[in-house]
Amino acid sequence: QPYGGFLSKVYPAARAAPPYSELHDDHLG
């Protein structure tokens, strides 16, 4: 889509999601 900046605001979970390594190493859940 040509409005990537707008979509990044619509889907804030994409920016706030922690990486897999952080979840696995620290045993978060």
Full PDB file with SEQRES, HELIX, SHEET, SSBOND, CRYST1, ORIGX, SCALE, CONECT and MASTER records, all heavy atoms in Angstrom:
SEQRES   1 A   29  GLN PRO TYR GLY GLY PHE LEU SER LYS VAL TYR PRO ALA          
SEQRES   2 A   29  ALA ARG ALA ALA PRO PRO TYR SER GLU LEU HIS ASP ASP          
SEQRES   3 A   29  HIS LEU GLY                                                  
HELIX    1 AA1 GLY A    4  VAL A   10  1                                   7    
HELIX    2 AA2 ALA A   13  ALA A   16  1                                   4    
HELIX    3 AA3 TYR A   20  ASP A   26  1                                   7    
CRYST1    1.000    1.000    1.000  90.00  90.00  90.00 P 1           1          
ORIGX1      1.000000  0.000000  0.000000        0.00000                         
ORIGX2      0.000000  1.000000  0.000000        0.00000                         
ORIGX3      0.000000  0.000000  1.000000        0.00000                         
SCALE1      1.000000  0.000000  0.000000        0.00000                         
SCALE2      0.000000  1.000000  0.000000        0.00000                         
SCALE3      0.000000  0.000000  1.000000        0.00000                         
ATOM      1  N   GLN A   1       0.838  -1.197   0.000  1.00  0.00           N  
ATOM      2  CA  GLN A   1       0.000   0.000   0.000  1.00  0.00           C  
ATOM      3  C   GLN A   1       0.869   1.242   0.000  1.00  0.00           C  
ATOM      4  O   GLN A   1       1.965   1.268   0.558  1.00  0.00           O  
ATOM      5  CB  GLN A   1      -0.904   0.006   1.245  1.00  0.00           C  
ATOM      6  CG  GLN A   1      -1.841  -1.180   1.328  1.00  0.00           C  
ATOM      7  CD  GLN A   1      -2.866  -1.187   0.206  1.00  0.00           C  
ATOM      8  OE1 GLN A   1      -3.222  -0.129  -0.318  1.00  0.00           O  
ATOM      9  NE2 GLN A   1      -3.318  -2.379  -0.179  1.00  0.00           N  
ATOM     10  N   PRO A   2       0.381   2.304  -0.630  1.00  0.00           N  
ATOM     11  CA  PRO A   2       1.175   3.548  -0.668  1.00  0.00           C  
ATOM     12  C   PRO A   2       1.160   4.304   0.650  1.00  0.00           C  
ATOM     13  O   PRO A   2       1.881   5.278   0.791  1.00  0.00           O  
ATOM     14  CB  PRO A   2       0.485   4.358  -1.773  1.00  0.00           C  
ATOM     15  CG  PRO A   2      -0.919   3.868  -1.779  1.00  0.00           C  
ATOM     16  CD  PRO A   2      -0.849   2.416  -1.428  1.00  0.00           C  
ATOM     17  N   TYR A   3       0.326   3.908   1.611  1.00  0.00           N  
ATOM     18  CA  TYR A   3       0.209   4.640   2.868  1.00  0.00           C  
ATOM     19  C   TYR A   3       0.771   3.788   4.017  1.00  0.00           C  
ATOM     20  O   TYR A   3       0.055   3.429   4.940  1.00  0.00           O  
ATOM     21  CB  TYR A   3      -1.250   5.007   3.150  1.00  0.00           C  
ATOM     22  CG  TYR A   3      -1.881   5.813   2.045  1.00  0.00           C  
ATOM     23  CD1 TYR A   3      -2.776   5.196   1.159  1.00  0.00           C  
ATOM     24  CD2 TYR A   3      -1.572   7.140   1.865  1.00  0.00           C  
ATOM     25  CE1 TYR A   3      -3.352   5.903   0.128  1.00  0.00           C  
ATOM     26  CE2 TYR A   3      -2.143   7.870   0.826  1.00  0.00           C  
ATOM     27  CZ  TYR A   3      -3.019   7.249  -0.029  1.00  0.00           C  
ATOM     28  OH  TYR A   3      -3.593   7.948  -1.043  1.00  0.00           O  
ATOM     29  N   GLY A   4       2.036   3.449   3.874  1.00  0.00           N  
ATOM     30  CA  GLY A   4       2.653   2.596   4.882  1.00  0.00           C  
ATOM     31  C   GLY A   4       2.711   3.255   6.246  1.00  0.00           C  
ATOM     32  O   GLY A   4       2.538   2.614   7.270  1.00  0.00           O  
ATOM     33  N   GLY A   5       2.955   4.589   6.244  1.00  0.00           N  
ATOM     34  CA  GLY A   5       3.024   5.265   7.537  1.00  0.00           C  
ATOM     35  C   GLY A   5       1.701   5.238   8.264  1.00  0.00           C  
ATOM     36  O   GLY A   5       1.643   5.051   9.482  1.00  0.00           O  
ATOM     37  N   PHE A   6       0.593   5.383   7.501  1.00  0.00           N  
ATOM     38  CA  PHE A   6      -0.732   5.330   8.120  1.00  0.00           C  
ATOM     39  C   PHE A   6      -1.020   3.948   8.678  1.00  0.00           C  
ATOM     40  O   PHE A   6      -1.543   3.801   9.783  1.00  0.00           O  
ATOM     41  CB  PHE A   6      -1.780   5.719   7.088  1.00  0.00           C  
ATOM     42  CG  PHE A   6      -3.191   5.535   7.569  1.00  0.00           C  
ATOM     43  CD1 PHE A   6      -3.740   6.417   8.482  1.00  0.00           C  
ATOM     44  CD2 PHE A   6      -3.958   4.456   7.127  1.00  0.00           C  
ATOM     45  CE1 PHE A   6      -5.038   6.247   8.933  1.00  0.00           C  
ATOM     46  CE2 PHE A   6      -5.242   4.284   7.573  1.00  0.00           C  
ATOM     47  CZ  PHE A   6      -5.790   5.195   8.463  1.00  0.00           C  
ATOM     48  N   LEU A   7      -0.644   2.880   7.945  1.00  0.00           N  
ATOM     49  CA  LEU A   7      -0.897   1.520   8.399  1.00  0.00           C  
ATOM     50  C   LEU A   7      -0.077   1.187   9.639  1.00  0.00           C  
ATOM     51  O   LEU A   7      -0.528   0.427  10.492  1.00  0.00           O  
ATOM     52  CB  LEU A   7      -0.578   0.524   7.280  1.00  0.00           C  
ATOM     53  CG  LEU A   7      -1.580   0.486   6.124  1.00  0.00           C  
ATOM     54  CD1 LEU A   7      -1.085  -0.472   5.052  1.00  0.00           C  
ATOM     55  CD2 LEU A   7      -2.956   0.072   6.618  1.00  0.00           C  
ATOM     56  N   SER A   8       1.115   1.757   9.727  1.00  0.00           N  
ATOM     57  CA  SER A   8       1.907   1.485  10.925  1.00  0.00           C  
ATOM     58  C   SER A   8       1.267   2.087  12.161  1.00  0.00           C  
ATOM     59  O   SER A   8       1.463   1.601  13.270  1.00  0.00           O  
ATOM     60  CB  SER A   8       3.325   2.041  10.771  1.00  0.00           C  
ATOM     61  OG  SER A   8       3.287   3.466  10.643  1.00  0.00           O  
ATOM     62  N   LYS A   9       0.472   3.157  11.975  1.00  0.00           N  
ATOM     63  CA  LYS A   9      -0.256   3.715  13.101  1.00  0.00           C  
ATOM     64  C   LYS A   9      -1.518   2.924  13.402  1.00  0.00           C  
ATOM     65  O   LYS A   9      -1.962   2.851  14.547  1.00  0.00           O  
ATOM     66  CB  LYS A   9      -0.616   5.175  12.821  1.00  0.00           C  
ATOM     67  CG  LYS A   9       0.608   6.069  12.689  1.00  0.00           C  
ATOM     68  CD  LYS A   9       0.199   7.506  12.404  1.00  0.00           C  
ATOM     69  CE  LYS A   9       1.440   8.389  12.247  1.00  0.00           C  
ATOM     70  NZ  LYS A   9       1.079   9.786  11.938  1.00  0.00           N  
ATOM     71  N   VAL A  10      -2.132   2.353  12.355  1.00  0.00           N  
ATOM     72  CA  VAL A  10      -3.334   1.560  12.544  1.00  0.00           C  
ATOM     73  C   VAL A  10      -3.009   0.266  13.273  1.00  0.00           C  
ATOM     74  O   VAL A  10      -3.785  -0.216  14.105  1.00  0.00           O  
ATOM     75  CB  VAL A  10      -3.996   1.252  11.187  1.00  0.00           C  
ATOM     76  CG1 VAL A  10      -5.165   0.283  11.370  1.00  0.00           C  
ATOM     77  CG2 VAL A  10      -4.465   2.543  10.534  1.00  0.00           C  
ATOM     78  N   TYR A  11      -1.824  -0.314  13.006  1.00  0.00           N  
ATOM     79  CA  TYR A  11      -1.405  -1.567  13.622  1.00  0.00           C  
ATOM     80  C   TYR A  11      -0.208  -1.312  14.554  1.00  0.00           C  
ATOM     81  O   TYR A  11       0.937  -1.609  14.212  1.00  0.00           O  
ATOM     82  CB  TYR A  11      -1.000  -2.600  12.552  1.00  0.00           C  
ATOM     83  CG  TYR A  11      -2.121  -2.936  11.604  1.00  0.00           C  
ATOM     84  CD1 TYR A  11      -2.218  -2.320  10.364  1.00  0.00           C  
ATOM     85  CD2 TYR A  11      -3.084  -3.869  11.971  1.00  0.00           C  
ATOM     86  CE1 TYR A  11      -3.255  -2.637   9.505  1.00  0.00           C  
ATOM     87  CE2 TYR A  11      -4.123  -4.189  11.107  1.00  0.00           C  
ATOM     88  CZ  TYR A  11      -4.202  -3.561   9.873  1.00  0.00           C  
ATOM     89  OH  TYR A  11      -5.222  -3.866   9.026  1.00  0.00           O  
ATOM     90  N   PRO A  12      -0.451  -0.722  15.700  1.00  0.00           N  
ATOM     91  CA  PRO A  12       0.667  -0.432  16.601  1.00  0.00           C  
ATOM     92  C   PRO A  12       1.298  -1.685  17.164  1.00  0.00           C  
ATOM     93  O   PRO A  12       2.419  -1.654  17.639  1.00  0.00           O  
ATOM     94  CB  PRO A  12       0.010   0.378  17.733  1.00  0.00           C  
ATOM     95  CG  PRO A  12      -1.423  -0.054  17.720  1.00  0.00           C  
ATOM     96  CD  PRO A  12      -1.749  -0.334  16.284  1.00  0.00           C  
ATOM     97  N   ALA A  13       0.581  -2.834  17.152  1.00  0.00           N  
ATOM     98  CA  ALA A  13       1.151  -4.063  17.700  1.00  0.00           C  
ATOM     99  C   ALA A  13       2.382  -4.496  16.921  1.00  0.00           C  
ATOM    100  O   ALA A  13       3.266  -5.171  17.451  1.00  0.00           O  
ATOM    101  CB  ALA A  13       0.109  -5.180  17.694  1.00  0.00           C  
ATOM    102  N   ALA A  14       2.442  -4.115  15.638  1.00  0.00           N  
ATOM    103  CA  ALA A  14       3.576  -4.500  14.821  1.00  0.00           C  
ATOM    104  C   ALA A  14       4.853  -3.825  15.309  1.00  0.00           C  
ATOM    105  O   ALA A  14       5.946  -4.371  15.224  1.00  0.00           O  
ATOM    106  CB  ALA A  14       3.324  -4.139  13.357  1.00  0.00           C  
ATOM    107  N   ARG A  15       4.719  -2.592  15.836  1.00  0.00           N  
ATOM    108  CA  ARG A  15       5.891  -1.890  16.327  1.00  0.00           C  
ATOM    109  C   ARG A  15       6.210  -2.277  17.764  1.00  0.00           C  
ATOM    110  O   ARG A  15       7.352  -2.296  18.169  1.00  0.00           O  
ATOM    111  CB  ARG A  15       5.652  -0.387  16.241  1.00  0.00           C  
ATOM    112  CG  ARG A  15       5.430   0.119  14.826  1.00  0.00           C  
ATOM    113  CD  ARG A  15       5.163   1.612  14.833  1.00  0.00           C  
ATOM    114  NE  ARG A  15       3.961   1.898  15.608  1.00  0.00           N  
ATOM    115  CZ  ARG A  15       3.644   3.117  16.048  1.00  0.00           C  
ATOM    116  NH1 ARG A  15       4.442   4.129  15.808  1.00  0.00           N  
ATOM    117  NH2 ARG A  15       2.533   3.306  16.732  1.00  0.00           N  
ATOM    118  N   ALA A  16       5.184  -2.585  18.571  1.00  0.00           N  
ATOM    119  CA  ALA A  16       5.396  -2.852  19.987  1.00  0.00           C  
ATOM    120  C   ALA A  16       5.727  -4.304  20.287  1.00  0.00           C  
ATOM    121  O   ALA A  16       6.086  -4.626  21.398  1.00  0.00           O  
ATOM    122  CB  ALA A  16       4.141  -2.465  20.788  1.00  0.00           C  
ATOM    123  N   ALA A  17       5.569  -5.202  19.315  1.00  0.00           N  
ATOM    124  CA  ALA A  17       5.792  -6.628  19.581  1.00  0.00           C  
ATOM    125  C   ALA A  17       7.260  -6.886  19.882  1.00  0.00           C  
ATOM    126  O   ALA A  17       8.143  -6.487  19.121  1.00  0.00           O  
ATOM    127  CB  ALA A  17       5.365  -7.451  18.368  1.00  0.00           C  
ATOM    128  N   PRO A  18       7.560  -7.535  20.977  1.00  0.00           N  
ATOM    129  CA  PRO A  18       8.953  -7.842  21.301  1.00  0.00           C  
ATOM    130  C   PRO A  18       9.483  -8.946  20.413  1.00  0.00           C  
ATOM    131  O   PRO A  18       8.732  -9.802  19.948  1.00  0.00           O  
ATOM    132  CB  PRO A  18       8.875  -8.308  22.760  1.00  0.00           C  
ATOM    133  CG  PRO A  18       7.489  -8.815  22.915  1.00  0.00           C  
ATOM    134  CD  PRO A  18       6.628  -7.995  22.015  1.00  0.00           C  
ATOM    135  N   PRO A  19      10.756  -8.959  20.136  1.00  0.00           N  
ATOM    136  CA  PRO A  19      11.329 -10.019  19.293  1.00  0.00           C  
ATOM    137  C   PRO A  19      11.261 -11.366  19.979  1.00  0.00           C  
ATOM    138  O   PRO A  19      11.182 -11.460  21.202  1.00  0.00           O  
ATOM    139  CB  PRO A  19      12.778  -9.556  19.096  1.00  0.00           C  
ATOM    140  CG  PRO A  19      13.070  -8.666  20.262  1.00  0.00           C  
ATOM    141  CD  PRO A  19      11.765  -7.981  20.573  1.00  0.00           C  
ATOM    142  N   TYR A  20      11.368 -12.411  19.166  1.00  0.00           N  
ATOM    143  CA  TYR A  20      11.263 -13.770  19.691  1.00  0.00           C  
ATOM    144  C   TYR A  20      12.401 -14.076  20.671  1.00  0.00           C  
ATOM    145  O   TYR A  20      12.194 -14.718  21.696  1.00  0.00           O  
ATOM    146  CB  TYR A  20      11.283 -14.772  18.535  1.00  0.00           C  
ATOM    147  CG  TYR A  20      11.466 -16.190  18.973  1.00  0.00           C  
ATOM    148  CD1 TYR A  20      10.400 -16.911  19.539  1.00  0.00           C  
ATOM    149  CD2 TYR A  20      12.711 -16.821  18.873  1.00  0.00           C  
ATOM    150  CE1 TYR A  20      10.575 -18.207  19.959  1.00  0.00           C  
ATOM    151  CE2 TYR A  20      12.884 -18.115  19.306  1.00  0.00           C  
ATOM    152  CZ  TYR A  20      11.806 -18.803  19.830  1.00  0.00           C  
ATOM    153  OH  TYR A  20      11.985 -20.093  20.259  1.00  0.00           O  
ATOM    154  N   SER A  21      13.606 -13.612  20.346  1.00  0.00           N  
ATOM    155  CA  SER A  21      14.752 -13.922  21.204  1.00  0.00           C  
ATOM    156  C   SER A  21      14.564 -13.351  22.602  1.00  0.00           C  
ATOM    157  O   SER A  21      14.936 -13.973  23.596  1.00  0.00           O  
ATOM    158  CB  SER A  21      16.028 -13.366  20.585  1.00  0.00           C  
ATOM    159  OG  SER A  21      15.932 -11.950  20.424  1.00  0.00           O  
ATOM    160  N   GLU A  22      13.968 -12.152  22.685  1.00  0.00           N  
ATOM    161  CA  GLU A  22      13.750 -11.549  23.998  1.00  0.00           C  
ATOM    162  C   GLU A  22      12.753 -12.361  24.816  1.00  0.00           C  
ATOM    163  O   GLU A  22      12.942 -12.591  26.008  1.00  0.00           O  
ATOM    164  CB  GLU A  22      13.240 -10.122  23.826  1.00  0.00           C  
ATOM    165  CG  GLU A  22      12.966  -9.413  25.139  1.00  0.00           C  
ATOM    166  CD  GLU A  22      12.429  -8.009  24.930  1.00  0.00           C  
ATOM    167  OE1 GLU A  22      12.510  -7.519  23.795  1.00  0.00           O  
ATOM    168  OE2 GLU A  22      11.916  -7.432  25.910  1.00  0.00           O  
ATOM    169  N   LEU A  23      11.677 -12.819  24.163  1.00  0.00           N  
ATOM    170  CA  LEU A  23      10.688 -13.616  24.873  1.00  0.00           C  
ATOM    171  C   LEU A  23      11.274 -14.958  25.311  1.00  0.00           C  
ATOM    172  O   LEU A  23      11.035 -15.424  26.420  1.00  0.00           O  
ATOM    173  CB  LEU A  23       9.476 -13.869  23.965  1.00  0.00           C  
ATOM    174  CG  LEU A  23       8.478 -12.720  23.854  1.00  0.00           C  
ATOM    175  CD1 LEU A  23       7.466 -13.038  22.772  1.00  0.00           C  
ATOM    176  CD2 LEU A  23       7.790 -12.459  25.166  1.00  0.00           C  
ATOM    177  N   HIS A  24      12.064 -15.564  24.442  1.00  0.00           N  
ATOM    178  CA  HIS A  24      12.581 -16.890  24.756  1.00  0.00           C  
ATOM    179  C   HIS A  24      13.660 -16.833  25.830  1.00  0.00           C  
ATOM    180  O   HIS A  24      13.683 -17.647  26.753  1.00  0.00           O  
ATOM    181  CB  HIS A  24      13.128 -17.530  23.480  1.00  0.00           C  
ATOM    182  CG  HIS A  24      13.730 -18.874  23.708  1.00  0.00           C  
ATOM    183  ND1 HIS A  24      12.975 -19.971  24.047  1.00  0.00           N  
ATOM    184  CD2 HIS A  24      15.022 -19.290  23.673  1.00  0.00           C  
ATOM    185  CE1 HIS A  24      13.760 -21.015  24.193  1.00  0.00           C  
ATOM    186  NE2 HIS A  24      15.011 -20.632  23.979  1.00  0.00           N  
ATOM    187  N   ASP A  25      14.565 -15.875  25.718  1.00  0.00           N  
ATOM    188  CA  ASP A  25      15.692 -15.819  26.638  1.00  0.00           C  
ATOM    189  C   ASP A  25      15.246 -15.446  28.047  1.00  0.00           C  
ATOM    190  O   ASP A  25      15.756 -15.971  29.044  1.00  0.00           O  
ATOM    191  CB  ASP A  25      16.734 -14.823  26.135  1.00  0.00           C  
ATOM    192  CG  ASP A  25      17.360 -15.288  24.827  1.00  0.00           C  
ATOM    193  OD1 ASP A  25      17.288 -16.500  24.536  1.00  0.00           O  
ATOM    194  OD2 ASP A  25      17.901 -14.434  24.097  1.00  0.00           O  
ATOM    195  N   ASP A  26      14.316 -14.533  28.186  1.00  0.00           N  
ATOM    196  CA  ASP A  26      13.881 -14.066  29.504  1.00  0.00           C  
ATOM    197  C   ASP A  26      12.716 -14.866  30.068  1.00  0.00           C  
ATOM    198  O   ASP A  26      12.265 -14.576  31.165  1.00  0.00           O  
ATOM    199  CB  ASP A  26      13.488 -12.585  29.419  1.00  0.00           C  
ATOM    200  CG  ASP A  26      14.682 -11.710  29.095  1.00  0.00           C  
ATOM    201  OD1 ASP A  26      15.833 -12.145  29.308  1.00  0.00           O  
ATOM    202  OD2 ASP A  26      14.457 -10.581  28.625  1.00  0.00           O  
ATOM    203  N   HIS A  27      12.207 -15.827  29.309  1.00  0.00           N  
ATOM    204  CA  HIS A  27      11.086 -16.657  29.763  1.00  0.00           C  
ATOM    205  C   HIS A  27       9.875 -15.807  30.100  1.00  0.00           C  
ATOM    206  O   HIS A  27       9.212 -16.032  31.111  1.00  0.00           O  
ATOM    207  CB  HIS A  27      11.477 -17.511  30.968  1.00  0.00           C  
ATOM    208  CG  HIS A  27      12.656 -18.396  30.729  1.00  0.00           C  
ATOM    209  ND1 HIS A  27      12.699 -19.313  29.702  1.00  0.00           N  
ATOM    210  CD2 HIS A  27      13.844 -18.492  31.384  1.00  0.00           C  
ATOM    211  CE1 HIS A  27      13.865 -19.947  29.738  1.00  0.00           C  
ATOM    212  NE2 HIS A  27      14.573 -19.472  30.726  1.00  0.00           N  
ATOM    213  N   LEU A  28       9.578 -14.847  29.274  1.00  0.00           N  
ATOM    214  CA  LEU A  28       8.395 -14.032  29.501  1.00  0.00           C  
ATOM    215  C   LEU A  28       7.148 -14.767  29.054  1.00  0.00           C  
ATOM    216  O   LEU A  28       7.187 -15.596  28.145  1.00  0.00           O  
ATOM    217  CB  LEU A  28       8.517 -12.697  28.754  1.00  0.00           C  
ATOM    218  CG  LEU A  28       9.659 -11.775  29.178  1.00  0.00           C  
ATOM    219  CD1 LEU A  28       9.677 -10.531  28.311  1.00  0.00           C  
ATOM    220  CD2 LEU A  28       9.523 -11.390  30.637  1.00  0.00           C  
ATOM    221  N   GLY A  29       6.028 -14.446  29.697  1.00  0.00           N  
ATOM    222  CA  GLY A  29       4.765 -15.072  29.334  1.00  0.00           C  
ATOM    223  C   GLY A  29       3.643 -14.586  30.217  1.00  0.00           C  
ATOM    224  O   GLY A  29       3.849 -13.770  31.117  1.00  0.00           O  
TER     225      GLY A  29                                                      
MASTER        0    0    0    3    0    0    0    6  224    1    0    3          
END                                                                             
